[in-house]
PDB file of N, CA and C in Angstrom:
ATOM      1  N   UNK A   1      10.213 142.411-159.237  1.00  0.00           N
ATOM      2  CA  UNK A   1      10.961 143.323-158.660  1.00  0.00           C
ATOM      3  C   UNK A   1       9.960 144.109-158.790  1.00  0.00           C
ATOM      4  N   UNK A   2       9.032 144.483-159.534  1.00  0.00           N
ATOM      5  CA  UNK A   2       7.654 145.207-158.345  1.00  0.00           C
ATOM      6  C   UNK A   2       6.519 144.865-157.711  1.00  0.00           C
ATOM      7  N   UNK A   3       6.834 143.373-157.244  1.00  0.00           N
ATOM      8  CA  UNK A   3       6.277 142.374-155.568  1.00  0.00           C
ATOM      9  C   UNK A   3       7.322 142.882-154.944  1.00  0.00           C
ATOM     10  N   UNK A   4       8.388 143.015-155.247  1.00  0.00           N
ATOM     11  CA  UNK A   4       9.761 143.082-153.895  1.00  0.00           C
ATOM     12  C   UNK A   4       9.067 144.437-153.813  1.00  0.00           C
ATOM     13  N   UNK A   5       9.415 145.826-154.421  1.00  0.00           N
ATOM     14  CA  UNK A   5       9.320 146.640-154.555  1.00  0.00           C
ATOM     15  C   UNK A   5       7.839 146.925-153.418  1.00  0.00           C
ATOM     16  N   UNK A   6       6.582 146.105-153.331  1.00  0.00           N
ATOM     17  CA  UNK A   6       5.179 146.820-153.036  1.00  0.00           C
ATOM     18  C   UNK A   6       5.599 146.427-151.623  1.00  0.00           C
ATOM     19  N   UNK A   7       6.629 144.948-151.089  1.00  0.00           N
ATOM     20  CA  UNK A   7       6.931 144.544-149.776  1.00  0.00           C
ATOM     21  C   UNK A   7       7.376 145.870-149.507  1.00  0.00           C
ATOM     22  N   UNK A   8       8.642 146.598-149.784  1.00  0.00           N
ATOM     23  CA  UNK A   8       9.304 147.386-149.228  1.00  0.00           C
ATOM     24  C   UNK A   8       8.102 148.836-149.281  1.00  0.00           C
ATOM     25  N   UNK A   9       7.622 149.033-150.225  1.00  0.00           N
ATOM     26  CA  UNK A   9       7.240 150.550-149.458  1.00  0.00           C
ATOM     27  C   UNK A   9       6.210 149.996-148.114  1.00  0.00           C
ATOM     28  N   UNK A  10       5.255 148.475-147.958  1.00  0.00           N
ATOM     29  CA  UNK A  10       4.842 148.952-147.346  1.00  0.00           C
ATOM     30  C   UNK A  10       5.336 148.936-145.459  1.00  0.00           C
ATOM     31  N   UNK A  11       6.577 148.878-145.691  1.00  0.00           N
ATOM     32  CA  UNK A  11       7.518 148.465-144.715  1.00  0.00           C
ATOM     33  C   UNK A  11       7.510 150.107-144.233  1.00  0.00           C
ATOM     34  N   UNK A  12       7.644 151.234-145.307  1.00  0.00           N
ATOM     35  CA  UNK A  12       7.399 151.997-145.039  1.00  0.00           C
ATOM     36  C   UNK A  12       6.267 153.565-144.335  1.00  0.00           C
ATOM     37  N   UNK A  13       4.900 152.415-143.970  1.00  0.00           N
ATOM     38  CA  UNK A  13       4.176 153.092-144.068  1.00  0.00           C
ATOM     39  C   UNK A  13       4.129 153.352-143.278  1.00  0.00           C
ATOM     40  N   UNK A  14       4.629 153.310-142.033  1.00  0.00           N
ATOM     41  CA  UNK A  14       4.893 154.032-140.964  1.00  0.00           C
ATOM     42  C   UNK A  14       5.427 154.577-140.137  1.00  0.00           C
ATOM     43  N   UNK A  15       6.248 155.065-141.270  1.00  0.00           N
ATOM     44  CA  UNK A  15       7.411 155.704-141.241  1.00  0.00           C
ATOM     45  C   UNK A  15       7.343 157.234-142.329  1.00  0.00           C
ATOM     46  N   UNK A  16       5.399 157.010-143.015  1.00  0.00           N
ATOM     47  CA  UNK A  16       5.243 158.986-143.626  1.00  0.00           C
ATOM     48  C   UNK A  16       4.764 157.705-145.387  1.00  0.00           C
ATOM     49  N   UNK A  17       5.497 157.048-144.891  1.00  0.00           N
ATOM     50  CA  UNK A  17       5.053 156.840-147.127  1.00  0.00           C
ATOM     51  C   UNK A  17       5.810 156.855-146.987  1.00  0.00           C
ATOM     52  N   UNK A  18       6.366 155.826-148.234  1.00  0.00           N
ATOM     53  CA  UNK A  18       6.946 155.638-148.992  1.00  0.00           C
ATOM     54  C   UNK A  18       8.020 156.489-150.144  1.00  0.00           C
ATOM     55  N   UNK A  19       6.765 156.915-150.906  1.00  0.00           N
ATOM     56  CA  UNK A  19       7.310 158.241-151.400  1.00  0.00           C
ATOM     57  C   UNK A  19       7.592 159.710-150.686  1.00  0.00           C
ATOM     58  N   UNK A  20       7.875 159.706-149.221  1.00  0.00           N
ATOM     59  CA  UNK A  20       8.337 160.889-148.687  1.00  0.00           C
ATOM     60  C   UNK A  20       9.933 160.279-148.026  1.00  0.00           C
ATOM     61  N   UNK A  21       9.715 159.349-148.261  1.00  0.00           N
ATOM     62  CA  UNK A  21      11.227 158.290-147.346  1.00  0.00           C
ATOM     63  C   UNK A  21      12.787 158.087-148.543  1.00  0.00           C
ATOM     64  N   UNK A  22      13.302 158.414-148.296  1.00  0.00           N
ATOM     65  CA  UNK A  22      15.006 158.774-149.001  1.00  0.00           C
ATOM     66  C   UNK A  22      14.953 157.641-148.845  1.00  0.00           C
ATOM     67  N   UNK A  23      15.422 156.462-147.427  1.00  0.00           N
ATOM     68  CA  UNK A  23      15.466 154.809-147.926  1.00  0.00           C
ATOM     69  C   UNK A  23      15.200 153.681-148.535  1.00  0.00           C
ATOM     70  N   UNK A  24      13.670 154.424-149.049  1.00  0.00           N
ATOM     71  CA  UNK A  24      12.915 153.983-149.835  1.00  0.00           C
ATOM     72  C   UNK A  24      12.986 153.758-151.499  1.00  0.00           C
ATOM     73  N   UNK A  25      13.412 154.640-151.914  1.00  0.00           N
ATOM     74  CA  UNK A  25      14.463 155.726-153.225  1.00  0.00           C
ATOM     75  C   UNK A  25      15.768 154.800-153.348  1.00  0.00           C
ATOM     76  N   UNK A  26      16.581 154.828-152.191  1.00  0.00           N
ATOM     77  CA  UNK A  26      18.083 154.088-152.254  1.00  0.00           C
ATOM     78  C   UNK A  26      17.779 152.416-152.298  1.00  0.00           C
ATOM     79  N   UNK A  27      16.563 152.301-152.191  1.00  0.00           N
ATOM     80  CA  UNK A  27      16.351 150.542-152.609  1.00  0.00           C
ATOM     81  C   UNK A  27      15.871 150.578-153.379  1.00  0.00           C
ATOM     82  N   UNK A  28      15.021 151.301-154.113  1.00  0.00           N
ATOM     83  CA  UNK A  28      13.907 151.627-155.310  1.00  0.00           C
ATOM     84  C   UNK A  28      15.687 151.118-156.222  1.00  0.00           C
ATOM     85  N   UNK A  29      16.171 152.201-155.910  1.00  0.00           N
ATOM     86  CA  UNK A  29      17.950 152.198-157.134  1.00  0.00           C
ATOM     87  C   UNK A  29      18.704 150.709-157.545  1.00  0.00           C
ATOM     88  N   UNK A  30      18.945 149.863-156.490  1.00  0.00           N
ATOM     89  CA  UNK A  30      19.408 149.664-156.032  1.00  0.00           C
ATOM     90  C   UNK A  30      17.884 148.205-156.782  1.00  0.00           C
ATOM     91  N   UNK A  31      17.268 148.531-156.647  1.00  0.00           N
ATOM     92  CA  UNK A  31      16.528 147.425-156.808  1.00  0.00           C
ATOM     93  C   UNK A  31      16.478 147.058-158.742  1.00  0.00           C
ATOM     94  N   UNK A  32      16.608 148.404-158.522  1.00  0.00           N
ATOM     95  CA  UNK A  32      16.665 149.030-160.204  1.00  0.00           C
ATOM     96  C   UNK A  32      17.769 148.001-160.853  1.00  0.00           C
ATOM     97  N   UNK A  33      19.184 148.354-160.392  1.00  0.00           N
ATOM     98  CA  UNK A  33      19.993 147.880-160.247  1.00  0.00           C
ATOM     99  C   UNK A  33      20.602 146.382-161.207  1.00  0.00           C
ATOM    100  N   UNK A  34      20.050 145.220-160.072  1.00  0.00           N
ATOM    101  CA  UNK A  34      19.696 144.262-159.859  1.00  0.00           C
ATOM    102  C   UNK A  34      19.256 143.409-161.151  1.00  0.00           C
ATOM    103  N   UNK A  35      17.766 144.419-161.427  1.00  0.00           N
ATOM    104  CA  UNK A  35      16.974 143.796-162.811  1.00  0.00           C
ATOM    105  C   UNK A  35      18.448 143.931-164.004  1.00  0.00           C
ATOM    106  N   UNK A  36      18.611 145.346-163.826  1.00  0.00           N
ATOM    107  CA  UNK A  36      19.213 145.956-164.763  1.00  0.00           C
ATOM    108  C   UNK A  36      20.046 144.844-165.530  1.00  0.00           C
ATOM    109  N   UNK A  37      21.091 144.539-163.837  1.00  0.00           N
ATOM    110  CA  UNK A  37      22.724 143.109-164.547  1.00  0.00           C
ATOM    111  C   UNK A  37      21.459 141.884-164.885  1.00  0.00           C
ATOM    112  N   UNK A  38      20.529 141.393-164.236  1.00  0.00           N
ATOM    113  CA  UNK A  38      20.158 140.482-165.568  1.00  0.00           C
ATOM    114  C   UNK A  38      18.887 140.512-166.570  1.00  0.00           C
ATOM    115  N   UNK A  39      19.364 140.957-167.335  1.00  0.00           N
ATOM    116  CA  UNK A  39      18.873 141.788-168.457  1.00  0.00           C
ATOM    117  C   UNK A  39      20.358 141.244-169.516  1.00  0.00           C
ATOM    118  N   UNK A  40      19.759 140.189-170.422  1.00  0.00           N
ATOM    119  CA  UNK A  40      21.186 140.090-171.531  1.00  0.00           C
ATOM    120  C   UNK A  40      21.622 141.116-171.707  1.00  0.00           C
ATOM    121  N   UNK A  41      23.028 140.907-171.766  1.00  0.00           N
ATOM    122  CA  UNK A  41      24.431 142.380-172.056  1.00  0.00           C
ATOM    123  C   UNK A  41      23.635 143.447-173.496  1.00  0.00           C
ATOM    124  N   UNK A  42      23.522 143.139-174.717  1.00  0.00           N
ATOM    125  CA  UNK A  42      22.860 144.590-175.139  1.00  0.00           C
ATOM    126  C   UNK A  42      21.732 144.595-175.327  1.00  0.00           C
ATOM    127  N   UNK A  43      20.972 144.369-174.336  1.00  0.00           N
ATOM    128  CA  UNK A  43      19.841 145.190-174.069  1.00  0.00           C
ATOM    129  C   UNK A  43      19.863 145.569-172.950  1.00  0.00           C
ATOM    130  N   UNK A  44      20.224 145.394-172.019  1.00  0.00           N
ATOM    131  CA  UNK A  44      20.459 145.684-170.670  1.00  0.00           C
ATOM    132  C   UNK A  44      21.515 146.836-170.557  1.00  0.00           C
ATOM    133  N   UNK A  45      22.513 147.460-171.173  1.00  0.00           N
ATOM    134  CA  UNK A  45      23.333 147.851-171.602  1.00  0.00           C
ATOM    135  C   UNK A  45      23.089 149.396-170.652  1.00  0.00           C
ATOM    136  N   UNK A  46      22.005 149.871-171.852  1.00  0.00           N
ATOM    137  CA  UNK A  46      21.665 151.230-171.193  1.00  0.00           C
ATOM    138  C   UNK A  46      20.764 151.258-169.920  1.00  0.00           C
ATOM    139  N   UNK A  47      20.072 150.228-169.432  1.00  0.00           N
ATOM    140  CA  UNK A  47      19.551 150.153-168.190  1.00  0.00           C
ATOM    141  C   UNK A  47      20.627 150.800-167.160  1.00  0.00           C
ATOM    142  N   UNK A  48      21.796 149.385-167.339  1.00  0.00           N
ATOM    143  CA  UNK A  48      22.871 149.853-166.408  1.00  0.00           C
ATOM    144  C   UNK A  48      23.653 151.101-166.451  1.00  0.00           C
ATOM    145  N   UNK A  49      23.619 151.454-167.840  1.00  0.00           N
ATOM    146  CA  UNK A  49      23.977 153.011-167.467  1.00  0.00           C
ATOM    147  C   UNK A  49      23.637 154.229-166.963  1.00  0.00           C
ATOM    148  N   UNK A  50      21.728 153.735-167.127  1.00  0.00           N
ATOM    149  CA  UNK A  50      20.687 154.317-166.556  1.00  0.00           C
ATOM    150  C   UNK A  50      20.869 154.299-164.243  1.00  0.00           C
ATOM    151  N   UNK A  51      21.532 153.002-164.670  1.00  0.00           N
ATOM    152  CA  UNK A  51      21.223 152.627-162.730  1.00  0.00           C
ATOM    153  C   UNK A  51      22.661 153.409-162.173  1.00  0.00           C
ATOM    154  N   UNK A  52      23.804 153.146-163.354  1.00  0.00           N
ATOM    155  CA  UNK A  52      25.019 154.720-162.431  1.00  0.00           C
ATOM    156  C   UNK A  52      24.770 155.966-162.318  1.00  0.00           C
ATOM    157  N   UNK A  53      24.374 156.287-163.061  1.00  0.00           N
ATOM    158  CA  UNK A  53      23.600 157.492-163.672  1.00  0.00           C
ATOM    159  C   UNK A  53      22.531 158.129-161.344  1.00  0.00           C
ATOM    160  N   UNK A  54      21.512 156.941-161.639  1.00  0.00           N
ATOM    161  CA  UNK A  54      20.747 157.782-160.934  1.00  0.00           C
ATOM    162  C   UNK A  54      21.379 156.852-159.261  1.00  0.00           C
ATOM    163  N   UNK A  55      22.438 156.181-158.970  1.00  0.00           N
ATOM    164  CA  UNK A  55      22.666 156.029-157.695  1.00  0.00           C
ATOM    165  C   UNK A  55      23.916 156.598-157.602  1.00  0.00           C
ATOM    166  N   UNK A  56      24.543 157.363-158.417  1.00  0.00           N
ATOM    167  CA  UNK A  56      25.653 158.045-158.245  1.00  0.00           C
ATOM    168  C   UNK A  56      25.385 159.248-157.235  1.00  0.00           C
ATOM    169  N   UNK A  57      24.076 160.192-157.060  1.00  0.00           N
ATOM    170  CA  UNK A  57      23.885 160.802-155.950  1.00  0.00           C
ATOM    171  C   UNK A  57      24.301 159.959-154.529  1.00  0.00           C
ATOM    172  N   UNK A  58      23.218 159.046-154.734  1.00  0.00           N
ATOM    173  CA  UNK A  58      22.649 158.665-153.064  1.00  0.00           C
ATOM    174  C   UNK A  58      25.031 158.445-152.263  1.00  0.00           C
ATOM    175  N   UNK A  59      25.449 157.264-153.695  1.00  0.00           N
ATOM    176  CA  UNK A  59      27.196 157.681-153.017  1.00  0.00           C
ATOM    177  C   UNK A  59      27.430 158.681-152.523  1.00  0.00           C
ATOM    178  N   UNK A  60      27.057 159.763-153.269  1.00  0.00           N
ATOM    179  CA  UNK A  60      27.956 160.872-153.297  1.00  0.00           C
ATOM    180  C   UNK A  60      27.469 161.655-151.988  1.00  0.00           C
ATOM    181  N   UNK A  61      26.540 161.440-151.798  1.00  0.00           N
ATOM    182  CA  UNK A  61      25.608 162.746-150.900  1.00  0.00           C
ATOM    183  C   UNK A  61      25.452 162.277-149.385  1.00  0.00           C
ATOM    184  N   UNK A  62      24.449 160.849-149.882  1.00  0.00           N
ATOM    185  CA  UNK A  62      24.657 160.141-148.467  1.00  0.00           C
ATOM    186  C   UNK A  62      24.884 159.240-148.331  1.00  0.00           C
ATOM    187  N   UNK A  63      26.420 158.610-148.932  1.00  0.00           N
ATOM    188  CA  UNK A  63      27.247 157.524-148.687  1.00  0.00           C
ATOM    189  C   UNK A  63      26.496 156.244-148.241  1.00  0.00           C
ATOM    190  N   UNK A  64      25.535 155.922-149.263  1.00  0.00           N
ATOM    191  CA  UNK A  64      25.511 154.232-149.714  1.00  0.00           C
ATOM    192  C   UNK A  64      25.997 152.818-150.513  1.00  0.00           C
ATOM    193  N   UNK A  65      26.317 153.128-150.492  1.00  0.00           N
ATOM    194  CA  UNK A  65      26.902 151.899-151.016  1.00  0.00           C
ATOM    195  C   UNK A  65      26.633 150.772-151.515  1.00  0.00           C
ATOM    196  N   UNK A  66      24.990 150.523-151.684  1.00  0.00           N
ATOM    197  CA  UNK A  66      24.706 148.519-151.461  1.00  0.00           C
ATOM    198  C   UNK A  66      24.999 148.033-152.490  1.00  0.00           C
ATOM    199  N   UNK A  67      26.169 147.523-152.196  1.00  0.00           N
ATOM    200  CA  UNK A  67      26.750 146.338-152.783  1.00  0.00           C
ATOM    201  C   UNK A  67      26.299 144.427-152.791  1.00  0.00           C
ATOM    202  N   UNK A  68      25.889 144.445-152.410  1.00  0.00           N
ATOM    203  CA  UNK A  68      24.594 143.197-151.446  1.00  0.00           C
ATOM    204  C   UNK A  68      24.555 142.073-153.037  1.00  0.00           C
ATOM    205  N   UNK A  69      24.667 141.003-152.807  1.00  0.00           N
ATOM    206  CA  UNK A  69      24.028 139.999-153.742  1.00  0.00           C
ATOM    207  C   UNK A  69      22.796 140.009-153.779  1.00  0.00           C
ATOM    208  N   UNK A  70      22.394 140.386-153.333  1.00  0.00           N
ATOM    209  CA  UNK A  70      20.851 139.794-152.827  1.00  0.00           C
ATOM    210  C   UNK A  70      20.340 140.433-151.586  1.00  0.00           C
ATOM    211  N   UNK A  71      19.423 141.133-151.610  1.00  0.00           N
ATOM    212  CA  UNK A  71      18.917 141.720-150.596  1.00  0.00           C
ATOM    213  C   UNK A  71      16.818 141.665-150.546  1.00  0.00           C
ATOM    214  N   UNK A  72      17.119 140.664-149.202  1.00  0.00           N
ATOM    215  CA  UNK A  72      15.597 140.410-149.273  1.00  0.00           C
ATOM    216  C   UNK A  72      14.329 140.962-149.696  1.00  0.00           C
ATOM    217  N   UNK A  73      12.839 140.729-150.213  1.00  0.00           N
ATOM    218  CA  UNK A  73      12.039 141.964-150.247  1.00  0.00           C
ATOM    219  C   UNK A  73      11.704 142.228-148.320  1.00  0.00           C
ATOM    220  N   UNK A  74      11.119 143.668-148.642  1.00  0.00           N
ATOM    221  CA  UNK A  74      10.950 144.292-147.245  1.00  0.00           C
ATOM    222  C   UNK A  74      12.051 145.295-146.640  1.00  0.00           C
ATOM    223  N   UNK A  75      12.969 145.344-147.221  1.00  0.00           N
ATOM    224  CA  UNK A  75      14.356 146.684-147.007  1.00  0.00           C
ATOM    225  C   UNK A  75      13.633 146.979-146.563  1.00  0.00           C
ATOM    226  N   UNK A  76      14.395 147.815-144.985  1.00  0.00           N
ATOM    227  CA  UNK A  76      14.046 149.073-144.446  1.00  0.00           C
ATOM    228  C   UNK A  76      15.002 149.727-144.060  1.00  0.00           C
ATOM    229  N   UNK A  77      15.282 151.022-144.434  1.00  0.00           N
ATOM    230  CA  UNK A  77      16.542 151.637-144.291  1.00  0.00           C
ATOM    231  C   UNK A  77      15.449 153.511-144.093  1.00  0.00           C
ATOM    232  N   UNK A  78      15.588 153.052-142.414  1.00  0.00           N
ATOM    233  CA  UNK A  78      15.485 154.123-141.763  1.00  0.00           C
ATOM    234  C   UNK A  78      16.388 155.712-141.621  1.00  0.00           C
ATOM    235  N   UNK A  79      17.518 155.358-141.782  1.00  0.00           N
ATOM    236  CA  UNK A  79      18.174 156.463-141.884  1.00  0.00           C
ATOM    237  C   UNK A  79      19.269 156.205-143.144  1.00  0.00           C
ATOM    238  N   UNK A  80      18.950 156.630-144.350  1.00  0.00           N
ATOM    239  CA  UNK A  80      19.535 155.804-145.302  1.00  0.00           C
ATOM    240  C   UNK A  80      20.999 156.487-145.679  1.00  0.00           C
ATOM    241  N   UNK A  81      22.162 156.718-144.188  1.00  0.00           N
ATOM    242  CA  UNK A  81      23.383 157.819-145.067  1.00  0.00           C
ATOM    243  C   UNK A  81      24.045 156.807-143.391  1.00  0.00           C
ATOM    244  N   UNK A  82      25.625 156.772-144.327  1.00  0.00           N
ATOM    245  CA  UNK A  82      26.809 156.081-144.608  1.00  0.00           C
ATOM    246  C   UNK A  82      25.915 154.620-143.948  1.00  0.00           C
ATOM    247  N   UNK A  83      25.362 153.746-145.053  1.00  0.00           N
ATOM    248  CA  UNK A  83      25.158 152.428-144.772  1.00  0.00           C
ATOM    249  C   UNK A  83      25.971 151.983-146.279  1.00  0.00           C
ATOM    250  N   UNK A  84      26.768 151.466-145.906  1.00  0.00           N
ATOM    251  CA  UNK A  84      28.191 149.925-146.878  1.00  0.00           C
ATOM    252  C   UNK A  84      27.489 148.410-146.961  1.00  0.00           C
ATOM    253  N   UNK A  85      27.620 148.586-147.669  1.00  0.00           N
ATOM    254  CA  UNK A  85      27.674 146.910-147.710  1.00  0.00           C
ATOM    255  C   UNK A  85      27.855 146.038-148.463  1.00  0.00           C
ATOM    256  N   UNK A  86      28.600 144.859-147.475  1.00  0.00           N
ATOM    257  CA  UNK A  86      29.774 143.951-148.843  1.00  0.00           C
ATOM    258  C   UNK A  86      29.406 143.115-150.049  1.00  0.00           C
ATOM    259  N   UNK A  87      30.122 143.633-150.772  1.00  0.00           N
ATOM    260  CA  UNK A  87      30.120 143.211-151.923  1.00  0.00           C
ATOM    261  C   UNK A  87      29.430 141.276-151.812  1.00  0.00           C
ATOM    262  N   UNK A  88      28.938 141.045-152.259  1.00  0.00           N
ATOM    263  CA  UNK A  88      28.242 139.807-152.164  1.00  0.00           C
ATOM    264  C   UNK A  88      28.122 139.289-150.796  1.00  0.00           C
ATOM    265  N   UNK A  89      27.599 139.741-149.632  1.00  0.00           N
ATOM    266  CA  UNK A  89      26.157 139.688-148.719  1.00  0.00           C
ATOM    267  C   UNK A  89      25.142 139.341-149.602  1.00  0.00           C
ATOM    268  N   UNK A  90      24.812 139.081-148.098  1.00  0.00           N
ATOM    269  CA  UNK A  90      22.934 138.306-149.094  1.00  0.00           C
ATOM    270  C   UNK A  90      22.067 138.858-147.273  1.00  0.00           C
ATOM    271  N   UNK A  91      21.151 139.751-147.076  1.00  0.00           N
ATOM    272  CA  UNK A  91      20.474 140.435-146.707  1.00  0.00           C
ATOM    273  C   UNK A  91      19.228 139.421-147.017  1.00  0.00           C
ATOM    274  N   UNK A  92      18.697 138.707-145.640  1.00  0.00           N
ATOM    275  CA  UNK A  92      17.119 138.222-146.217  1.00  0.00           C
ATOM    276  C   UNK A  92      15.610 138.993-145.885  1.00  0.00           C
ATOM    277  N   UNK A  93      14.504 138.297-145.597  1.00  0.00           N
ATOM    278  CA  UNK A  93      13.411 139.016-145.782  1.00  0.00           C
ATOM    279  C   UNK A  93      13.486 139.987-144.413  1.00  0.00           C
ATOM    280  N   UNK A  94      12.537 140.861-144.824  1.00  0.00           N
ATOM    281  CA  UNK A  94      12.682 141.997-143.650  1.00  0.00           C
ATOM    282  C   UNK A  94      13.846 142.525-142.510  1.00  0.00           C
TER     283      UNK A  94
END
């Protein structure tokens, strides 16, 4: 997960940096949720609850819902507003 986030962060360097771009944080939330769902049930439950809580503002305020099965490294949301992905979809690298 961390290497994928590093690759994502490099894509935002031309846009003012990863720390200043909401798109990076939306994608980081997705990656955290993917990691949490991969944990065993009893151990992963608190992380899945945290993911649900931090995902809520992106859905409510920005209307962003990333339900893709897999998003490759280097995903860059230039304008993270009104973005929906279909459940089960696969988005490749960069």
